[in-house]
Amino acid sequence: MSVALRRNGRYAGGGLGEDTVYTGVNAFRRRLPLKPPATRTPSADNRSGDVSLGDLLLTTKLNVPSNRSNLVVRPRLLRRLDEGSRGKLTLISAPAGYGKTTLLGEWVLRSELPVGWLSLDGGDNDSTTFFSYLISALQTVETDIGESILRSLRAPQPPPTQVVLTALVNEIAAISNRNLALVLDDYHVIRNESIHAALAFLLEHLPPQMHLIIASRTDPPLRLTRLLVGGHLRKLAAPDLRFTPEEVGSFLNKAMSLDLSAKDLAALGAY
């Protein structure tokens, strides 16, 4: 199937081949050193000296954000993330300020799964850039995965997206004896419909070895209803992320060092 969009006779959405979809995702490797994404020097074909986006990636986008020492641990939400990791997708959807990134960072540090991490920004709406980062993130937990795909994305004529995605799914499916997870943080910055379609394709065909976690300020257009009906989606929304009275007390007394009494906390809870 083809998901690329035509505009004035040309395909929109960035550098992937003109057919279909693509997706990926990536990571932090527990107890193993972080492997930087593959880079290369400008080739003889690039005699101008310019380096393409596919040749230069910010490795800091693959790092799990560090949490504050006075963090309020939220076991009830960590348990729900553990439960969700048995399926295809966990979606954390809530406005800014609800602690999505903080919660996920804490879960990654506590999880027994090797977890890849990708912090997205507006520049990742280019398809080639998005998938290069995604595969590079996966390589931090599976060092050999996607290397040939990454090279193909840097080619002057990248293959059709369907081909890229199929190769990626097959490589993930070939992973034996362990599972892994990938976090896509701040997915709301992605506006490219081709990337949405690629991610939906990936989720539809996602091997059981892999779990995807998306944090976003809005629900992404990823056929969520189909995933929910099929039992493949766990979702945390704003009401789930709000502090309980016990968590409020922990925040005020431990994080803020206010030393409020139970009576003081009960009075605050009345407002």
Protein backbone atom coordinates (compact mmCIF):
# COMPACT_ATOMS: atom_id res chain seq x y z
CA MET A 1 0.00 0.00 0.00
CA SER A 2 1.15 3.54 -0.50
CA VAL A 3 0.89 6.21 2.14
CA ALA A 4 3.09 8.87 0.58
CA LEU A 5 1.20 12.06 -0.20
CA ARG A 6 1.44 13.85 -3.55
CA ARG A 7 1.69 17.59 -3.79
CA ASN A 8 1.90 19.16 -7.24
CA GLY A 9 2.97 15.84 -8.67
CA ARG A 10 5.72 15.29 -6.09
CA TYR A 11 5.80 13.17 -2.96
CA ALA A 12 5.65 15.08 0.29
CA GLY A 13 7.08 14.13 3.68
CA GLY A 14 10.82 13.91 3.25
CA GLY A 15 13.50 11.69 1.94
CA LEU A 16 12.19 8.14 2.02
CA GLY A 17 11.26 6.42 -1.19
CA GLU A 18 7.96 7.28 -2.77
CA ASP A 19 6.07 4.17 -1.64
CA THR A 20 4.29 3.55 1.71
CA VAL A 21 5.51 3.68 5.32
CA TYR A 22 8.25 3.34 7.88
CA THR A 23 8.89 3.46 11.60
CA GLY A 24 11.34 2.67 14.27
CA VAL A 25 12.40 3.34 17.86
CA ASN A 26 15.13 3.01 20.34
CA ALA A 27 17.02 3.20 23.45
CA PHE A 28 19.05 2.97 26.51
CA ARG A 29 20.84 -0.29 27.24
CA ARG A 30 20.83 -1.48 30.82
CA ARG A 31 24.25 -2.47 32.13
CA LEU A 32 25.77 -2.01 28.68
CA PRO A 33 27.54 1.04 27.26
CA LEU A 34 25.53 3.34 25.01
CA LYS A 35 26.49 2.78 21.40
CA PRO A 36 26.45 6.06 19.45
CA PRO A 37 24.52 5.98 16.19
CA ALA A 38 26.63 5.17 13.19
CA THR A 39 28.21 8.19 11.56
CA ARG A 40 30.31 8.63 8.47
CA THR A 41 32.51 11.23 6.89
CA PRO A 42 31.43 12.94 3.67
CA SER A 43 31.92 10.59 0.75
CA ALA A 44 33.58 11.32 -2.57
CA ASP A 45 30.09 11.90 -3.95
CA ASN A 46 29.66 14.78 -1.53
CA ARG A 47 32.46 16.95 -2.85
CA SER A 48 30.87 20.16 -1.58
CA GLY A 49 31.75 19.13 1.98
CA ASP A 50 28.15 19.31 3.18
CA VAL A 51 26.99 16.63 5.60
CA SER A 52 23.40 15.43 5.28
CA LEU A 53 21.03 15.02 8.23
CA GLY A 54 21.33 11.27 7.79
CA ASP A 55 25.10 11.55 8.41
CA LEU A 56 24.94 13.60 11.61
CA LEU A 57 22.67 12.68 14.51
CA LEU A 58 22.45 14.18 17.99
CA THR A 59 23.23 11.31 20.35
CA THR A 60 21.77 13.28 23.28
CA LYS A 61 18.31 12.69 21.77
CA LEU A 62 18.85 9.00 22.55
CA ASN A 63 19.61 9.56 26.24
CA VAL A 64 17.07 8.86 28.97
CA PRO A 65 16.50 12.17 30.83
CA SER A 66 17.92 12.12 34.34
CA ASN A 67 15.41 12.53 37.14
CA ARG A 68 15.68 14.76 40.20
CA SER A 69 16.87 13.26 43.45
CA ASN A 70 13.71 14.45 45.22
CA LEU A 71 11.44 12.71 42.74
CA VAL A 72 8.08 11.47 44.01
CA VAL A 73 8.01 7.78 43.14
CA ARG A 74 4.60 6.66 41.85
CA PRO A 75 4.38 2.86 42.18
CA ARG A 76 0.77 2.63 40.95
CA LEU A 77 1.75 4.15 37.59
CA LEU A 78 4.99 2.17 37.34
CA ARG A 79 2.96 -1.01 37.77
CA ARG A 80 0.63 0.02 34.95
CA LEU A 81 3.61 0.62 32.68
CA ASP A 82 4.93 -2.84 33.58
CA GLU A 83 1.55 -4.36 32.73
CA GLY A 84 1.38 -2.45 29.45
CA SER A 85 4.81 -3.66 28.38
CA ARG A 86 3.29 -7.07 27.67
CA GLY A 87 1.35 -5.64 24.73
CA LYS A 88 2.15 -3.65 21.61
CA LEU A 89 1.60 -0.05 22.67
CA THR A 90 1.41 2.05 25.80
CA LEU A 91 0.21 5.62 25.20
CA ILE A 92 0.70 8.38 27.78
CA SER A 93 -1.43 11.28 26.59
CA ALA A 94 -1.77 14.44 28.67
CA PRO A 95 -1.05 18.18 28.44
CA ALA A 96 2.30 19.71 29.36
CA GLY A 97 3.17 19.62 33.06
CA TYR A 98 1.66 16.24 33.93
CA GLY A 99 5.03 14.50 34.38
CA LYS A 100 4.99 12.20 31.35
CA THR A 101 8.73 12.32 30.70
CA THR A 102 9.58 12.12 34.41
CA LEU A 103 7.39 9.04 34.86
CA LEU A 104 8.87 7.28 31.85
CA GLY A 105 12.42 8.10 32.89
CA GLU A 106 11.78 6.53 36.29
CA TRP A 107 10.20 3.46 34.69
CA VAL A 108 13.14 2.96 32.32
CA LEU A 109 15.59 3.00 35.22
CA ARG A 110 13.55 0.42 37.13
CA SER A 111 12.46 -1.81 34.26
CA GLU A 112 14.05 -5.17 33.60
CA LEU A 113 13.57 -4.61 29.88
CA PRO A 114 16.28 -3.02 27.75
CA VAL A 115 14.64 0.23 26.69
CA GLY A 116 15.51 2.54 23.81
CA TRP A 117 14.72 6.24 24.05
CA LEU A 118 14.12 8.93 21.44
CA SER A 119 13.32 12.53 22.38
CA LEU A 120 11.55 14.01 19.37
CA ASP A 121 11.52 17.61 18.18
CA GLY A 122 10.10 19.52 15.25
CA GLY A 123 13.08 18.73 13.04
CA ASP A 124 12.15 15.05 13.07
CA ASN A 125 9.21 15.60 10.71
CA ASP A 126 11.51 14.71 7.84
CA SER A 127 10.95 11.00 7.21
CA THR A 128 14.60 10.10 6.69
CA THR A 129 15.63 11.95 9.84
CA PHE A 130 12.87 10.33 11.90
CA PHE A 131 13.71 6.79 10.84
CA SER A 132 17.46 7.32 11.12
CA TYR A 133 16.98 8.37 14.75
CA LEU A 134 14.56 5.54 15.37
CA ILE A 135 16.95 2.88 14.14
CA SER A 136 19.89 4.52 15.94
CA ALA A 137 17.88 4.35 19.16
CA LEU A 138 17.17 0.66 18.58
CA GLN A 139 20.89 0.12 18.05
CA THR A 140 21.57 1.21 21.62
CA VAL A 141 19.81 -1.97 22.80
CA GLU A 142 20.52 -4.21 19.78
CA THR A 143 23.82 -3.07 18.35
CA ASP A 144 23.55 -4.82 14.98
CA ILE A 145 19.92 -4.14 14.20
CA GLY A 146 19.06 -2.03 11.17
CA GLU A 147 22.60 -1.27 10.01
CA SER A 148 21.89 -2.09 6.36
CA ILE A 149 18.58 -0.20 6.59
CA LEU A 150 20.40 2.84 7.94
CA ARG A 151 22.82 2.73 5.02
CA SER A 152 19.93 2.53 2.58
CA LEU A 153 18.33 5.60 4.12
CA ARG A 154 21.51 7.56 3.43
CA ALA A 155 21.55 6.55 -0.22
CA PRO A 156 20.75 9.16 -2.89
CA GLN A 157 17.64 7.12 -3.76
CA PRO A 158 16.26 5.54 -0.57
CA PRO A 159 14.08 2.45 -1.01
CA PRO A 160 10.28 2.62 -0.74
CA THR A 161 9.07 2.95 2.82
CA GLN A 162 7.25 -0.39 2.68
CA VAL A 163 10.55 -2.11 1.94
CA VAL A 164 12.30 -0.32 4.79
CA LEU A 165 9.57 -1.18 7.29
CA THR A 166 9.36 -4.79 6.23
CA ALA A 167 13.10 -5.19 6.68
CA LEU A 168 12.95 -3.56 10.12
CA VAL A 169 10.05 -5.75 11.29
CA ASN A 170 11.90 -8.86 10.11
CA GLU A 171 15.06 -7.87 11.96
CA ILE A 172 13.12 -7.24 15.18
CA ALA A 173 11.35 -10.58 14.79
CA ALA A 174 14.74 -12.30 14.50
CA ILE A 175 15.77 -11.15 17.98
CA SER A 176 15.83 -14.26 20.17
CA ASN A 177 15.57 -14.90 23.90
CA ARG A 178 14.69 -11.40 25.02
CA ASN A 179 12.23 -8.55 24.66
CA LEU A 180 12.85 -4.84 24.31
CA ALA A 181 10.94 -1.57 24.46
CA LEU A 182 11.18 1.78 22.71
CA VAL A 183 10.07 5.18 24.04
CA LEU A 184 9.06 7.96 21.66
CA ASP A 185 8.85 11.08 23.83
CA ASP A 186 7.04 14.28 22.74
CA TYR A 187 5.39 12.58 19.75
CA HIS A 188 2.94 15.50 19.45
CA VAL A 189 5.63 17.43 17.52
CA ILE A 190 5.27 15.01 14.60
CA ARG A 191 2.93 16.41 11.93
CA ASN A 192 4.04 14.36 8.94
CA GLU A 193 1.18 12.05 7.87
CA SER A 194 3.65 9.67 6.22
CA ILE A 195 5.36 9.12 9.56
CA HIS A 196 2.01 8.52 11.27
CA ALA A 197 1.11 5.97 8.61
CA ALA A 198 4.50 4.29 8.96
CA LEU A 199 4.13 3.99 12.72
CA ALA A 200 0.62 2.57 12.33
CA PHE A 201 2.03 -0.02 9.93
CA LEU A 202 4.79 -0.90 12.38
CA LEU A 203 2.29 -1.34 15.22
CA GLU A 204 0.07 -3.55 13.08
CA HIS A 205 2.99 -5.87 12.34
CA LEU A 206 5.01 -5.40 15.54
CA PRO A 207 6.70 -8.64 16.63
CA PRO A 208 5.98 -9.84 20.18
CA GLN A 209 9.59 -9.14 21.17
CA MET A 210 9.03 -5.39 21.05
CA HIS A 211 6.87 -2.92 22.97
CA LEU A 212 6.36 0.71 21.95
CA ILE A 213 5.67 3.55 24.39
CA ILE A 214 4.52 6.95 23.14
CA ALA A 215 4.32 10.10 25.26
CA SER A 216 2.33 12.92 23.69
CA ARG A 217 0.26 15.96 24.59
CA THR A 218 -2.48 14.71 22.25
CA ASP A 219 -3.66 11.33 20.98
CA PRO A 220 -1.69 10.51 17.81
CA PRO A 221 -3.51 9.39 14.63
CA LEU A 222 -2.42 5.74 14.85
CA ARG A 223 -5.65 3.70 14.53
CA LEU A 224 -5.90 3.62 18.30
CA THR A 225 -9.44 2.28 18.33
CA ARG A 226 -8.37 -0.83 16.43
CA LEU A 227 -5.49 -1.38 18.84
CA LEU A 228 -7.77 -0.91 21.85
CA VAL A 229 -10.41 -3.32 20.55
CA GLY A 230 -7.70 -5.88 19.81
CA GLY A 231 -6.35 -5.61 23.36
CA HIS A 232 -3.02 -4.17 22.17
CA LEU A 233 -3.24 -0.70 23.76
CA ARG A 234 -2.79 0.50 27.34
CA LYS A 235 -3.39 4.21 27.91
CA LEU A 236 -2.57 6.64 30.70
CA ALA A 237 -4.38 9.98 30.43
CA ALA A 238 -4.45 13.19 32.48
CA PRO A 239 -6.80 11.82 35.20
CA ASP A 240 -4.43 8.89 35.75
CA LEU A 241 -1.42 11.18 36.08
CA ARG A 242 -2.94 13.54 38.64
CA PHE A 243 -1.49 13.22 42.13
CA THR A 244 -3.45 11.21 44.67
CA PRO A 245 -3.72 12.73 48.20
CA GLU A 246 -0.86 10.47 49.30
CA GLU A 247 1.32 11.63 46.42
CA VAL A 248 0.51 15.26 47.20
CA GLY A 249 1.73 14.68 50.75
CA SER A 250 4.88 13.01 49.49
CA PHE A 251 5.55 15.87 47.10
CA LEU A 252 5.05 18.62 49.67
CA ASN A 253 6.91 16.95 52.53
CA LYS A 254 9.71 15.11 50.70
CA ALA A 255 10.24 17.03 47.48
CA MET A 256 9.46 20.48 48.90
CA SER A 257 10.64 19.75 52.50
CA LEU A 258 7.61 21.49 54.03
CA ASP A 259 7.04 19.03 56.90
CA LEU A 260 3.26 19.42 56.90
CA SER A 261 1.16 17.45 59.35
CA ALA A 262 -1.65 15.12 58.34
CA LYS A 263 -4.09 17.79 59.50
CA ASP A 264 -2.41 20.40 57.28
CA LEU A 265 -2.55 18.07 54.30
CA ALA A 266 -6.21 17.30 54.92
CA ALA A 267 -6.95 21.02 55.03
CA LEU A 268 -5.15 21.53 51.72
CA GLY A 269 -7.13 18.67 50.21
CA ALA A 270 -10.36 20.51 50.95
CA TYR A 271 -9.46 23.24 48.46
